[in-house]
Amino acid sequence: MANNISIISTEGPVVVALSDDIDIYSADDFFDTVSAAYNSSKGDVVLDCSALEYIDSTAIGAVVKLYKLVAADGHKLIIRNMKPRQKKLFEICAIDRLMEFE
């Protein structure tokens, strides 16, 4: 697991803290790590982005893939503390309508 992806909790919702950059180089690791944690507990997933500095389109694709996995089981993907400039990317692609942002 990369240093920029930390599983905080798998009790109740799966809570994942993201930091630094999630990009083409770490998007697969992000998806693999979070989906493995999700598959072990099958609940809502919360991505805490308070320490996230950068996210690119490849990583956004991995977030959408994660959303589809979680939504297929009737659970939610919740994104917390995302910086406005990062959230703007989700808004431009109209992806912000699929997930909850807090």
C-alpha atoms as a PDB file:
ATOM      1  CA  MET A   1       0.000   0.000   0.000  1.00  0.00           C
ATOM      2  CA  ALA A   2       1.268   3.442  -0.899  1.00  0.00           C
ATOM      3  CA  ASN A   3       2.004   5.970   1.834  1.00  0.00           C
ATOM      4  CA  ASN A   4      -0.638   8.329   0.426  1.00  0.00           C
ATOM      5  CA  ILE A   5      -3.504   5.856   1.017  1.00  0.00           C
ATOM      6  CA  SER A   6      -4.340   4.954   4.630  1.00  0.00           C
ATOM      7  CA  ILE A   7      -7.210   2.751   5.741  1.00  0.00           C
ATOM      8  CA  ILE A   8      -8.408   4.434   8.935  1.00  0.00           C
ATOM      9  CA  SER A   9     -11.334   2.159   9.744  1.00  0.00           C
ATOM     10  CA  THR A  10     -13.188  -0.853   8.424  1.00  0.00           C
ATOM     11  CA  GLU A  11     -15.714  -0.847  11.279  1.00  0.00           C
ATOM     12  CA  GLY A  12     -18.980   0.702  10.092  1.00  0.00           C
ATOM     13  CA  PRO A  13     -18.025   2.684   7.038  1.00  0.00           C
ATOM     14  CA  VAL A  14     -14.650   2.045   5.465  1.00  0.00           C
ATOM     15  CA  VAL A  15     -12.751   5.292   6.077  1.00  0.00           C
ATOM     16  CA  VAL A  16      -9.758   6.042   3.880  1.00  0.00           C
ATOM     17  CA  ALA A  17      -7.437   9.030   4.283  1.00  0.00           C
ATOM     18  CA  LEU A  18      -5.818  10.248   1.087  1.00  0.00           C
ATOM     19  CA  SER A  19      -2.754  12.485   1.070  1.00  0.00           C
ATOM     20  CA  ASP A  20      -0.260  13.992  -1.348  1.00  0.00           C
ATOM     21  CA  ASP A  21      -1.072  12.991  -4.936  1.00  0.00           C
ATOM     22  CA  ILE A  22      -3.404  10.365  -6.369  1.00  0.00           C
ATOM     23  CA  ASP A  23      -2.548  10.207 -10.043  1.00  0.00           C
ATOM     24  CA  ILE A  24      -1.694   7.888 -12.909  1.00  0.00           C
ATOM     25  CA  TYR A  25       1.103   6.362 -10.843  1.00  0.00           C
ATOM     26  CA  SER A  26      -1.022   5.575  -7.785  1.00  0.00           C
ATOM     27  CA  ALA A  27      -4.585   5.193  -9.143  1.00  0.00           C
ATOM     28  CA  ASP A  28      -4.385   1.401  -9.454  1.00  0.00           C
ATOM     29  CA  ASP A  29      -2.949   1.080  -5.945  1.00  0.00           C
ATOM     30  CA  PHE A  30      -5.715   3.376  -4.674  1.00  0.00           C
ATOM     31  CA  PHE A  31      -8.442   1.235  -6.243  1.00  0.00           C
ATOM     32  CA  ASP A  32      -6.887  -2.073  -5.184  1.00  0.00           C
ATOM     33  CA  THR A  33      -6.330  -0.946  -1.587  1.00  0.00           C
ATOM     34  CA  VAL A  34      -9.744   0.619  -1.068  1.00  0.00           C
ATOM     35  CA  SER A  35     -11.700  -2.111  -2.858  1.00  0.00           C
ATOM     36  CA  ALA A  36      -9.927  -4.791  -0.765  1.00  0.00           C
ATOM     37  CA  ALA A  37     -10.887  -2.942   2.432  1.00  0.00           C
ATOM     38  CA  TYR A  38     -14.438  -2.535   1.133  1.00  0.00           C
ATOM     39  CA  ASN A  39     -14.748  -6.196   0.170  1.00  0.00           C
ATOM     40  CA  SER A  40     -13.771  -7.212   3.688  1.00  0.00           C
ATOM     41  CA  SER A  41     -16.573  -5.205   5.324  1.00  0.00           C
ATOM     42  CA  LYS A  42     -19.173  -4.284   2.644  1.00  0.00           C
ATOM     43  CA  GLY A  43     -20.420  -0.924   3.895  1.00  0.00           C
ATOM     44  CA  ASP A  44     -20.328   2.713   2.904  1.00  0.00           C
ATOM     45  CA  VAL A  45     -16.941   4.102   1.904  1.00  0.00           C
ATOM     46  CA  VAL A  46     -15.684   7.503   3.075  1.00  0.00           C
ATOM     47  CA  LEU A  47     -12.715   9.130   1.351  1.00  0.00           C
ATOM     48  CA  ASP A  48     -11.163  11.819   3.547  1.00  0.00           C
ATOM     49  CA  CYS A  49      -9.370  14.192   1.200  1.00  0.00           C
ATOM     50  CA  SER A  50      -8.280  16.821   3.720  1.00  0.00           C
ATOM     51  CA  ALA A  51      -4.575  16.092   3.034  1.00  0.00           C
ATOM     52  CA  LEU A  52      -4.983  15.368  -0.691  1.00  0.00           C
ATOM     53  CA  GLU A  53      -2.950  17.816  -2.755  1.00  0.00           C
ATOM     54  CA  TYR A  54      -3.594  16.629  -6.319  1.00  0.00           C
ATOM     55  CA  ILE A  55      -5.883  14.262  -8.194  1.00  0.00           C
ATOM     56  CA  ASP A  56      -5.765  13.627 -11.937  1.00  0.00           C
ATOM     57  CA  SER A  57      -8.234  12.175 -14.438  1.00  0.00           C
ATOM     58  CA  THR A  58      -6.856   8.656 -14.041  1.00  0.00           C
ATOM     59  CA  ALA A  59      -7.508   8.799 -10.307  1.00  0.00           C
ATOM     60  CA  ILE A  60     -10.978  10.241 -10.892  1.00  0.00           C
ATOM     61  CA  GLY A  61     -11.621   7.225 -13.116  1.00  0.00           C
ATOM     62  CA  ALA A  62     -10.548   4.963 -10.236  1.00  0.00           C
ATOM     63  CA  VAL A  63     -12.940   6.817  -7.901  1.00  0.00           C
ATOM     64  CA  VAL A  64     -15.782   6.242 -10.387  1.00  0.00           C
ATOM     65  CA  LYS A  65     -14.842   2.556 -10.627  1.00  0.00           C
ATOM     66  CA  LEU A  66     -14.922   2.372  -6.826  1.00  0.00           C
ATOM     67  CA  TYR A  67     -18.296   4.148  -6.792  1.00  0.00           C
ATOM     68  CA  LYS A  68     -19.726   1.539  -9.200  1.00  0.00           C
ATOM     69  CA  LEU A  69     -18.450  -1.293  -6.994  1.00  0.00           C
ATOM     70  CA  VAL A  70     -19.943   0.220  -3.845  1.00  0.00           C
ATOM     71  CA  ALA A  71     -23.233   1.317  -5.457  1.00  0.00           C
ATOM     72  CA  ALA A  72     -23.797  -2.154  -6.945  1.00  0.00           C
ATOM     73  CA  ASP A  73     -24.118  -3.410  -3.362  1.00  0.00           C
ATOM     74  CA  GLY A  74     -26.443  -0.565  -2.345  1.00  0.00           C
ATOM     75  CA  HIS A  75     -23.834   1.411  -0.413  1.00  0.00           C
ATOM     76  CA  LYS A  76     -22.627   5.007  -0.684  1.00  0.00           C
ATOM     77  CA  LEU A  77     -19.331   6.581  -1.596  1.00  0.00           C
ATOM     78  CA  ILE A  78     -18.847   9.749   0.433  1.00  0.00           C
ATOM     79  CA  ILE A  79     -16.062  12.237  -0.238  1.00  0.00           C
ATOM     80  CA  ARG A  80     -15.104  14.497   2.659  1.00  0.00           C
ATOM     81  CA  ASN A  81     -12.955  17.594   2.903  1.00  0.00           C
ATOM     82  CA  MET A  82     -12.110  17.871  -0.787  1.00  0.00           C
ATOM     83  CA  LYS A  83     -10.584  21.186  -1.766  1.00  0.00           C
ATOM     84  CA  PRO A  84     -12.778  23.311  -4.061  1.00  0.00           C
ATOM     85  CA  ARG A  85     -10.308  23.193  -6.965  1.00  0.00           C
ATOM     86  CA  GLN A  86     -10.290  19.390  -6.830  1.00  0.00           C
ATOM     87  CA  LYS A  87     -14.072  19.143  -6.521  1.00  0.00           C
ATOM     88  CA  LYS A  88     -14.355  21.351  -9.604  1.00  0.00           C
ATOM     89  CA  LEU A  89     -12.962  18.455 -11.692  1.00  0.00           C
ATOM     90  CA  PHE A  90     -15.812  16.241 -10.473  1.00  0.00           C
ATOM     91  CA  GLU A  91     -18.313  19.005 -11.247  1.00  0.00           C
ATOM     92  CA  ILE A  92     -17.004  19.563 -14.777  1.00  0.00           C
ATOM     93  CA  CYS A  93     -17.532  15.882 -15.535  1.00  0.00           C
ATOM     94  CA  ALA A  94     -20.912  15.852 -13.681  1.00  0.00           C
ATOM     95  CA  ILE A  95     -19.574  13.067 -11.467  1.00  0.00           C
ATOM     96  CA  ASP A  96     -20.402  15.080  -8.359  1.00  0.00           C
ATOM     97  CA  ARG A  97     -24.049  14.077  -8.844  1.00  0.00           C
ATOM     98  CA  LEU A  98     -23.228  10.391  -8.276  1.00  0.00           C
ATOM     99  CA  MET A  99     -21.422  10.683  -4.967  1.00  0.00           C
ATOM    100  CA  GLU A 100     -21.966  12.529  -1.736  1.00  0.00           C
ATOM    101  CA  PHE A 101     -19.608  15.377  -0.924  1.00  0.00           C
ATOM    102  CA  GLU A 102     -19.258  16.663   2.635  1.00  0.00           C
END
